[in-house]
PDB file of N, CA and C in Angstrom:
ATOM      1  N   MET A   1     117.150  95.490 104.233  1.00  0.00           N
ATOM      2  CA  MET A   1     116.184  96.474 103.794  1.00  0.00           C
ATOM      3  C   MET A   1     115.340  96.895 104.995  1.00  0.00           C
ATOM      4  N   ILE A   2     115.164  98.177 105.162  1.00  0.00           N
ATOM      5  CA  ILE A   2     114.352  98.735 106.235  1.00  0.00           C
ATOM      6  C   ILE A   2     113.072  99.278 105.623  1.00  0.00           C
ATOM      7  N   THR A   3     111.937  98.873 106.193  1.00  0.00           N
ATOM      8  CA  THR A   3     110.643  99.335 105.718  1.00  0.00           C
ATOM      9  C   THR A   3     110.024 100.244 106.764  1.00  0.00           C
ATOM     10  N   ALA A   4     109.552 101.401 106.325  1.00  0.00           N
ATOM     11  CA  ALA A   4     108.845 102.321 107.203  1.00  0.00           C
ATOM     12  C   ALA A   4     107.475 102.615 106.610  1.00  0.00           C
ATOM     13  N   ILE A   5     106.490 102.636 107.492  1.00  0.00           N
ATOM     14  CA  ILE A   5     105.132 103.007 107.103  1.00  0.00           C
ATOM     15  C   ILE A   5     104.959 104.447 107.569  1.00  0.00           C
ATOM     16  N   VAL A   6     104.728 105.351 106.635  1.00  0.00           N
ATOM     17  CA  VAL A   6     104.659 106.776 106.960  1.00  0.00           C
ATOM     18  C   VAL A   6     103.223 107.254 106.784  1.00  0.00           C
ATOM     19  N   LEU A   7     102.612 107.669 107.894  1.00  0.00           N
ATOM     20  CA  LEU A   7     101.267 108.225 107.889  1.00  0.00           C
ATOM     21  C   LEU A   7     101.417 109.721 107.673  1.00  0.00           C
ATOM     22  N   ILE A   8     100.672 110.266 106.713  1.00  0.00           N
ATOM     23  CA  ILE A   8     100.908 111.647 106.282  1.00  0.00           C
ATOM     24  C   ILE A   8      99.623 112.460 106.315  1.00  0.00           C
ATOM     25  N   LYS A   9      99.686 113.620 106.964  1.00  0.00           N
ATOM     26  CA  LYS A   9      98.589 114.597 106.924  1.00  0.00           C
ATOM     27  C   LYS A   9      98.939 115.608 105.847  1.00  0.00           C
ATOM     28  N   THR A  10      97.933 115.959 105.044  1.00  0.00           N
ATOM     29  CA  THR A  10      98.168 116.883 103.934  1.00  0.00           C
ATOM     30  C   THR A  10      97.064 117.930 103.853  1.00  0.00           C
ATOM     31  N   SER A  11      97.271 118.878 102.980  1.00  0.00           N
ATOM     32  CA  SER A  11      96.195 119.789 102.597  1.00  0.00           C
ATOM     33  C   SER A  11      95.209 118.949 101.799  1.00  0.00           C
ATOM     34  N   VAL A  12      93.966 118.853 102.258  1.00  0.00           N
ATOM     35  CA  VAL A  12      93.015 117.939 101.614  1.00  0.00           C
ATOM     36  C   VAL A  12      92.680 118.305 100.178  1.00  0.00           C
ATOM     37  N   ASP A  13      92.836 119.550  99.826  1.00  0.00           N
ATOM     38  CA  ASP A  13      92.519 119.941  98.452  1.00  0.00           C
ATOM     39  C   ASP A  13      93.640 119.600  97.471  1.00  0.00           C
ATOM     40  N   ARG A  14      94.766 119.082  97.987  1.00  0.00           N
ATOM     41  CA  ARG A  14      95.907 118.771  97.109  1.00  0.00           C
ATOM     42  C   ARG A  14      96.369 117.322  97.232  1.00  0.00           C
ATOM     43  N   ILE A  15      95.523 116.457  97.776  1.00  0.00           N
ATOM     44  CA  ILE A  15      95.936 115.070  98.026  1.00  0.00           C
ATOM     45  C   ILE A  15      96.486 114.385  96.774  1.00  0.00           C
ATOM     46  N   PRO A  16      95.817 114.428  95.621  1.00  0.00           N
ATOM     47  CA  PRO A  16      96.363 113.720  94.453  1.00  0.00           C
ATOM     48  C   PRO A  16      97.750 114.200  94.036  1.00  0.00           C
ATOM     49  N   GLU A  17      97.963 115.513  94.013  1.00  0.00           N
ATOM     50  CA  GLU A  17      99.276 116.057  93.607  1.00  0.00           C
ATOM     51  C   GLU A  17     100.363 115.688  94.617  1.00  0.00           C
ATOM     52  N   ILE A  18     100.022 115.757  95.893  1.00  0.00           N
ATOM     53  CA  ILE A  18     100.995 115.418  96.944  1.00  0.00           C
ATOM     54  C   ILE A  18     101.333 113.932  96.871  1.00  0.00           C
ATOM     55  N   ALA A  19     100.317 113.103  96.691  1.00  0.00           N
ATOM     56  CA  ALA A  19     100.542 111.656  96.584  1.00  0.00           C
ATOM     57  C   ALA A  19     101.453 111.325  95.411  1.00  0.00           C
ATOM     58  N   GLU A  20     101.240 111.971  94.285  1.00  0.00           N
ATOM     59  CA  GLU A  20     102.085 111.733  93.111  1.00  0.00           C
ATOM     60  C   GLU A  20     103.523 112.174  93.359  1.00  0.00           C
ATOM     61  N   SER A  21     103.710 113.283  94.053  1.00  0.00           N
ATOM     62  CA  SER A  21     105.063 113.759  94.368  1.00  0.00           C
ATOM     63  C   SER A  21     105.782 112.783  95.293  1.00  0.00           C
ATOM     64  N   ILE A  22     105.053 112.263  96.264  1.00  0.00           N
ATOM     65  CA  ILE A  22     105.657 111.292  97.192  1.00  0.00           C
ATOM     66  C   ILE A  22     105.960 109.990  96.460  1.00  0.00           C
ATOM     67  N   ALA A  23     105.032 109.530  95.640  1.00  0.00           N
ATOM     68  CA  ALA A  23     105.223 108.276  94.898  1.00  0.00           C
ATOM     69  C   ALA A  23     106.404 108.352  93.937  1.00  0.00           C
ATOM     70  N   ALA A  24     106.751 109.540  93.488  1.00  0.00           N
ATOM     71  CA  ALA A  24     107.862 109.713  92.549  1.00  0.00           C
ATOM     72  C   ALA A  24     109.234 109.559  93.219  1.00  0.00           C
ATOM     73  N   LEU A  25     109.277 109.580  94.542  1.00  0.00           N
ATOM     74  CA  LEU A  25     110.555 109.417  95.240  1.00  0.00           C
ATOM     75  C   LEU A  25     111.040 107.983  95.070  1.00  0.00           C
ATOM     76  N   ASP A  26     112.325 107.810  94.804  1.00  0.00           N
ATOM     77  CA  ASP A  26     112.865 106.489  94.481  1.00  0.00           C
ATOM     78  C   ASP A  26     112.755 105.474  95.618  1.00  0.00           C
ATOM     79  N   CYS A  27     112.652 105.903  96.849  1.00  0.00           N
ATOM     80  CA  CYS A  27     112.594 104.982  97.985  1.00  0.00           C
ATOM     81  C   CYS A  27     111.157 104.677  98.420  1.00  0.00           C
ATOM     82  N   VAL A  28     110.177 105.231  97.735  1.00  0.00           N
ATOM     83  CA  VAL A  28     108.769 105.011  98.069  1.00  0.00           C
ATOM     84  C   VAL A  28     108.207 103.976  97.106  1.00  0.00           C
ATOM     85  N   SER A  29     107.687 102.865  97.672  1.00  0.00           N
ATOM     86  CA  SER A  29     107.163 101.807  96.805  1.00  0.00           C
ATOM     87  C   SER A  29     105.672 101.961  96.528  1.00  0.00           C
ATOM     88  N   GLU A  30     104.908 102.452  97.497  1.00  0.00           N
ATOM     89  CA  GLU A  30     103.479 102.670  97.312  1.00  0.00           C
ATOM     90  C   GLU A  30     103.039 103.880  98.112  1.00  0.00           C
ATOM     91  N   VAL A  31     101.975 104.515  97.643  1.00  0.00           N
ATOM     92  CA  VAL A  31     101.303 105.580  98.385  1.00  0.00           C
ATOM     93  C   VAL A  31      99.815 105.287  98.302  1.00  0.00           C
ATOM     94  N   PHE A  32      99.155 105.294  99.455  1.00  0.00           N
ATOM     95  CA  PHE A  32      97.724 105.007  99.525  1.00  0.00           C
ATOM     96  C   PHE A  32      96.980 106.231 100.033  1.00  0.00           C
ATOM     97  N   SER A  33      95.887 106.562  99.403  1.00  0.00           N
ATOM     98  CA  SER A  33      94.959 107.561  99.904  1.00  0.00           C
ATOM     99  C   SER A  33      94.013 106.800 100.840  1.00  0.00           C
ATOM    100  N   VAL A  34      93.843 107.297 102.077  1.00  0.00           N
ATOM    101  CA  VAL A  34      93.086 106.542 103.074  1.00  0.00           C
ATOM    102  C   VAL A  34      92.087 107.422 103.823  1.00  0.00           C
ATOM    103  N   THR A  35      91.172 106.769 104.508  1.00  0.00           N
ATOM    104  CA  THR A  35      90.238 107.468 105.379  1.00  0.00           C
ATOM    105  C   THR A  35      90.838 107.513 106.779  1.00  0.00           C
ATOM    106  N   GLY A  36      90.284 108.369 107.618  1.00  0.00           N
ATOM    107  CA  GLY A  36      90.736 108.422 109.005  1.00  0.00           C
ATOM    108  C   GLY A  36      91.520 109.682 109.311  1.00  0.00           C
ATOM    109  N   THR A  37      92.340 109.606 110.328  1.00  0.00           N
ATOM    110  CA  THR A  37      93.100 110.750 110.818  1.00  0.00           C
ATOM    111  C   THR A  37      94.119 111.260 109.805  1.00  0.00           C
ATOM    112  N   TYR A  38      94.693 110.350 109.035  1.00  0.00           N
ATOM    113  CA  TYR A  38      95.714 110.707 108.046  1.00  0.00           C
ATOM    114  C   TYR A  38      95.118 110.657 106.648  1.00  0.00           C
ATOM    115  N   ASP A  39      95.756 111.348 105.734  1.00  0.00           N
ATOM    116  CA  ASP A  39      95.269 111.422 104.360  1.00  0.00           C
ATOM    117  C   ASP A  39      95.959 110.433 103.429  1.00  0.00           C
ATOM    118  N   LEU A  40      97.248 110.176 103.693  1.00  0.00           N
ATOM    119  CA  LEU A  40      98.045 109.284 102.849  1.00  0.00           C
ATOM    120  C   LEU A  40      98.877 108.354 103.722  1.00  0.00           C
ATOM    121  N   ILE A  41      99.186 107.195 103.188  1.00  0.00           N
ATOM    122  CA  ILE A  41     100.154 106.289 103.800  1.00  0.00           C
ATOM    123  C   ILE A  41     101.175 105.945 102.725  1.00  0.00           C
ATOM    124  N   ALA A  42     102.448 106.118 103.057  1.00  0.00           N
ATOM    125  CA  ALA A  42     103.526 105.791 102.122  1.00  0.00           C
ATOM    126  C   ALA A  42     104.361 104.649 102.684  1.00  0.00           C
ATOM    127  N   MET A  43     104.715 103.720 101.816  1.00  0.00           N
ATOM    128  CA  MET A  43     105.627 102.640 102.176  1.00  0.00           C
ATOM    129  C   MET A  43     107.018 103.050 101.698  1.00  0.00           C
ATOM    130  N   VAL A  44     107.916 103.221 102.645  1.00  0.00           N
ATOM    131  CA  VAL A  44     109.273 103.668 102.345  1.00  0.00           C
ATOM    132  C   VAL A  44     110.224 102.516 102.613  1.00  0.00           C
ATOM    133  N   ARG A  45     111.095 102.234 101.651  1.00  0.00           N
ATOM    134  CA  ARG A  45     112.090 101.164 101.812  1.00  0.00           C
ATOM    135  C   ARG A  45     113.473 101.732 101.536  1.00  0.00           C
ATOM    136  N   VAL A  46     114.351 101.588 102.528  1.00  0.00           N
ATOM    137  CA  VAL A  46     115.711 102.104 102.419  1.00  0.00           C
ATOM    138  C   VAL A  46     116.700 101.027 102.863  1.00  0.00           C
ATOM    139  N   THR A  47     117.945 101.226 102.515  1.00  0.00           N
ATOM    140  CA  THR A  47     118.978 100.257 102.857  1.00  0.00           C
ATOM    141  C   THR A  47     119.502 100.445 104.274  1.00  0.00           C
ATOM    142  N   HIS A  48     119.669 101.682 104.687  1.00  0.00           N
ATOM    143  CA  HIS A  48     120.252 101.982 105.996  1.00  0.00           C
ATOM    144  C   HIS A  48     119.288 102.801 106.836  1.00  0.00           C
ATOM    145  N   HIS A  49     119.314 102.563 108.130  1.00  0.00           N
ATOM    146  CA  HIS A  49     118.431 103.283 109.048  1.00  0.00           C
ATOM    147  C   HIS A  49     118.588 104.792 108.908  1.00  0.00           C
ATOM    148  N   ASP A  50     119.813 105.273 108.770  1.00  0.00           N
ATOM    149  CA  ASP A  50     120.058 106.717 108.634  1.00  0.00           C
ATOM    150  C   ASP A  50     119.385 107.310 107.398  1.00  0.00           C
ATOM    151  N   ASP A  51     119.133 106.487 106.394  1.00  0.00           N
ATOM    152  CA  ASP A  51     118.477 106.977 105.176  1.00  0.00           C
ATOM    153  C   ASP A  51     117.055 107.467 105.440  1.00  0.00           C
ATOM    154  N   LEU A  52     116.426 106.953 106.497  1.00  0.00           N
ATOM    155  CA  LEU A  52     115.074 107.402 106.838  1.00  0.00           C
ATOM    156  C   LEU A  52     115.043 108.897 107.118  1.00  0.00           C
ATOM    157  N   ALA A  53     116.092 109.409 107.754  1.00  0.00           N
ATOM    158  CA  ALA A  53     116.152 110.847 108.043  1.00  0.00           C
ATOM    159  C   ALA A  53     116.251 111.667 106.759  1.00  0.00           C
ATOM    160  N   ASP A  54     116.943 111.135 105.781  1.00  0.00           N
ATOM    161  CA  ASP A  54     117.043 111.843 104.499  1.00  0.00           C
ATOM    162  C   ASP A  54     115.707 111.849 103.761  1.00  0.00           C
ATOM    163  N   VAL A  55     114.974 110.747 103.867  1.00  0.00           N
ATOM    164  CA  VAL A  55     113.745 110.596 103.098  1.00  0.00           C
ATOM    165  C   VAL A  55     112.550 111.273 103.770  1.00  0.00           C
ATOM    166  N   ILE A  56     112.315 110.992 105.042  1.00  0.00           N
ATOM    167  CA  ILE A  56     111.068 111.453 105.654  1.00  0.00           C
ATOM    168  C   ILE A  56     111.126 112.937 106.010  1.00  0.00           C
ATOM    169  N   PRO A  57     111.961 113.369 106.954  1.00  0.00           N
ATOM    170  CA  PRO A  57     111.989 114.819 107.185  1.00  0.00           C
ATOM    171  C   PRO A  57     112.706 115.578 106.073  1.00  0.00           C
ATOM    172  N   GLY A  58     113.636 114.913 105.391  1.00  0.00           N
ATOM    173  CA  GLY A  58     114.422 115.587 104.368  1.00  0.00           C
ATOM    174  C   GLY A  58     113.735 115.773 103.038  1.00  0.00           C
ATOM    175  N   ARG A  59     112.819 114.858 102.686  1.00  0.00           N
ATOM    176  CA  ARG A  59     112.166 114.951 101.372  1.00  0.00           C
ATOM    177  C   ARG A  59     110.643 114.968 101.461  1.00  0.00           C
ATOM    178  N   ILE A  60     110.055 113.968 102.123  1.00  0.00           N
ATOM    179  CA  ILE A  60     108.591 113.907 102.179  1.00  0.00           C
ATOM    180  C   ILE A  60     108.017 115.130 102.888  1.00  0.00           C
ATOM    181  N   SER A  61     108.548 115.457 104.047  1.00  0.00           N
ATOM    182  CA  SER A  61     108.004 116.574 104.832  1.00  0.00           C
ATOM    183  C   SER A  61     108.175 117.925 104.154  1.00  0.00           C
ATOM    184  N   LYS A  62     109.093 118.011 103.201  1.00  0.00           N
ATOM    185  CA  LYS A  62     109.333 119.273 102.501  1.00  0.00           C
ATOM    186  C   LYS A  62     108.475 119.454 101.246  1.00  0.00           C
ATOM    187  N   ILE A  63     107.688 118.450 100.908  1.00  0.00           N
ATOM    188  CA  ILE A  63     106.796 118.571  99.751  1.00  0.00           C
ATOM    189  C   ILE A  63     105.685 119.557 100.118  1.00  0.00           C
ATOM    190  N   PRO A  64     105.456 120.573  99.295  1.00  0.00           N
ATOM    191  CA  PRO A  64     104.401 121.545  99.599  1.00  0.00           C
ATOM    192  C   PRO A  64     103.047 120.866  99.804  1.00  0.00           C
ATOM    193  N   GLY A  65     102.396 121.189 100.915  1.00  0.00           N
ATOM    194  CA  GLY A  65     101.101 120.608 101.244  1.00  0.00           C
ATOM    195  C   GLY A  65     101.169 119.509 102.285  1.00  0.00           C
ATOM    196  N   VAL A  66     102.361 118.970 102.543  1.00  0.00           N
ATOM    197  CA  VAL A  66     102.516 117.977 103.615  1.00  0.00           C
ATOM    198  C   VAL A  66     102.527 118.740 104.932  1.00  0.00           C
ATOM    199  N   GLU A  67     101.587 118.389 105.809  1.00  0.00           N
ATOM    200  CA  GLU A  67     101.442 119.106 107.073  1.00  0.00           C
ATOM    201  C   GLU A  67     102.059 118.373 108.257  1.00  0.00           C
ATOM    202  N   GLY A  68     102.266 117.072 108.131  1.00  0.00           N
ATOM    203  CA  GLY A  68     102.873 116.312 109.221  1.00  0.00           C
ATOM    204  C   GLY A  68     102.961 114.843 108.883  1.00  0.00           C
ATOM    205  N   THR A  69     103.852 114.142 109.580  1.00  0.00           N
ATOM    206  CA  THR A  69     104.025 112.708 109.363  1.00  0.00           C
ATOM    207  C   THR A  69     104.116 111.985 110.701  1.00  0.00           C
ATOM    208  N   ASP A  70     103.808 110.711 110.666  1.00  0.00           N
ATOM    209  CA  ASP A  70     103.969 109.812 111.812  1.00  0.00           C
ATOM    210  C   ASP A  70     104.554 108.533 111.225  1.00  0.00           C
ATOM    211  N   THR A  71     105.748 108.165 111.660  1.00  0.00           N
ATOM    212  CA  THR A  71     106.472 107.058 111.027  1.00  0.00           C
ATOM    213  C   THR A  71     106.536 105.840 111.934  1.00  0.00           C
ATOM    214  N   HIS A  72     106.294 104.677 111.327  1.00  0.00           N
ATOM    215  CA  HIS A  72     106.382 103.386 112.026  1.00  0.00           C
ATOM    216  C   HIS A  72     107.385 102.524 111.266  1.00  0.00           C
ATOM    217  N   VAL A  73     108.422 102.051 111.964  1.00  0.00           N
ATOM    218  CA  VAL A  73     109.434 101.206 111.336  1.00  0.00           C
ATOM    219  C   VAL A  73     109.053  99.746 111.568  1.00  0.00           C
ATOM    220  N   ALA A  74     109.054  98.966 110.501  1.00  0.00           N
ATOM    221  CA  ALA A  74     108.678  97.551 110.586  1.00  0.00           C
ATOM    222  C   ALA A  74     109.831  96.719 111.126  1.00  0.00           C
ATOM    223  N   PHE A  75     109.504  95.776 112.026  1.00  0.00           N
ATOM    224  CA  PHE A  75     110.496  94.813 112.516  1.00  0.00           C
ATOM    225  C   PHE A  75     110.656  93.667 111.538  1.00  0.00           C
ATOM    226  N   ARG A  76     109.522  93.121 111.106  1.00  0.00           N
ATOM    227  CA  ARG A  76     109.504  91.997 110.172  1.00  0.00           C
ATOM    228  C   ARG A  76     108.398  92.224 109.166  1.00  0.00           C
ATOM    229  N   THR A  77     108.522  91.569 108.020  1.00  0.00           N
ATOM    230  CA  THR A  77     107.488  91.647 106.997  1.00  0.00           C
ATOM    231  C   THR A  77     106.847  90.275 106.852  1.00  0.00           C
ATOM    232  N   TYR A  78     105.539  90.248 106.941  1.00  0.00           N
ATOM    233  CA  TYR A  78     104.763  89.033 106.708  1.00  0.00           C
ATOM    234  C   TYR A  78     103.868  89.324 105.516  1.00  0.00           C
ATOM    235  N   SER A  79     104.063  88.579 104.452  1.00  0.00           N
ATOM    236  CA  SER A  79     103.322  88.840 103.232  1.00  0.00           C
ATOM    237  C   SER A  79     102.471  87.636 102.866  1.00  0.00           C
ATOM    238  N   GLN A  80     101.206  87.866 102.552  1.00  0.00           N
ATOM    239  CA  GLN A  80     100.334  86.786 102.115  1.00  0.00           C
ATOM    240  C   GLN A  80     100.897  86.137 100.856  1.00  0.00           C
ATOM    241  N   HIS A  81     101.462  86.953  99.970  1.00  0.00           N
ATOM    242  CA  HIS A  81     102.065  86.435  98.744  1.00  0.00           C
ATOM    243  C   HIS A  81     103.193  85.465  99.079  1.00  0.00           C
ATOM    244  N   ASP A  82     104.059  85.823 100.038  1.00  0.00           N
ATOM    245  CA  ASP A  82     105.168  84.954 100.430  1.00  0.00           C
ATOM    246  C   ASP A  82     104.659  83.655 101.050  1.00  0.00           C
ATOM    247  N   LEU A  83     103.606  83.731 101.874  1.00  0.00           N
ATOM    248  CA  LEU A  83     103.045  82.532 102.491  1.00  0.00           C
ATOM    249  C   LEU A  83     102.456  81.599 101.447  1.00  0.00           C
ATOM    250  N   GLU A  84     101.730  82.148 100.487  1.00  0.00           N
ATOM    251  CA  GLU A  84     101.139  81.331  99.430  1.00  0.00           C
ATOM    252  C   GLU A  84     102.222  80.649  98.611  1.00  0.00           C
ATOM    253  N   ALA A  85     103.285  81.357  98.304  1.00  0.00           N
ATOM    254  CA  ALA A  85     104.380  80.766  97.528  1.00  0.00           C
ATOM    255  C   ALA A  85     105.060  79.651  98.292  1.00  0.00           C
ATOM    256  N   ALA A  86     105.247  79.832  99.590  1.00  0.00           N
ATOM    257  CA  ALA A  86     105.912  78.811 100.406  1.00  0.00           C
ATOM    258  C   ALA A  86     105.100  77.516 100.469  1.00  0.00           C
ATOM    259  N   PHE A  87     103.788  77.645 100.606  1.00  0.00           N
ATOM    260  CA  PHE A  87     102.939  76.449 100.703  1.00  0.00           C
ATOM    261  C   PHE A  87     102.651  75.826  99.350  1.00  0.00           C
ATOM    262  N   ALA A  88     102.937  76.543  98.268  1.00  0.00           N
ATOM    263  CA  ALA A  88     102.665  76.019  96.933  1.00  0.00           C
ATOM    264  C   ALA A  88     103.866  75.305  96.322  1.00  0.00           C
ATOM    265  N   ILE A  89     104.977  75.255  97.049  1.00  0.00           N
ATOM    266  CA  ILE A  89     106.185  74.624  96.506  1.00  0.00           C
ATOM    267  C   ILE A  89     105.904  73.156  96.180  1.00  0.00           C
ATOM    268  N   GLY A  90     106.179  72.775  94.951  1.00  0.00           N
ATOM    269  CA  GLY A  90     106.004  71.409  94.519  1.00  0.00           C
ATOM    270  C   GLY A  90     104.599  71.048  94.080  1.00  0.00           C
ATOM    271  N   LEU A  91     103.703  71.999  94.159  1.00  0.00           N
ATOM    272  CA  LEU A  91     102.318  71.739  93.757  1.00  0.00           C
ATOM    273  C   LEU A  91     102.054  72.382  92.409  1.00  0.00           C
ATOM    274  N   ASP A  92     101.325  71.685  91.565  1.00  0.00           N
ATOM    275  CA  ASP A  92     100.928  72.268  90.282  1.00  0.00           C
ATOM    276  C   ASP A  92      99.664  73.077  90.474  1.00  0.00           C
ATOM    277  N   SER A  93      99.551  74.213  89.772  1.00  0.00           N
ATOM    278  CA  SER A  93      98.352  75.043  89.862  1.00  0.00           C
ATOM    279  C   SER A  93      97.264  74.518  88.994  1.00  0.00           C
TER     280      SER A  93
END
């Protein structure tokens, strides 16, 4: 599984509608409205590296109101949930 963090600039007056359109894509697991330089952050998960081209420039960038993207591909995933589960093995809650 390949995870990409996509920083998205949008038309600020349409952030909720754009976020919902992005979240509806089958390869997008979460969309966050954020402060700062970008308006939205989307977590994209695909099976093959080539699929990123289909999703980001092929689908996300074509949503009306999306003005630009900046994509970061994750090397590894470190999850607090995974760490807690690993250390809780054999312990009763």
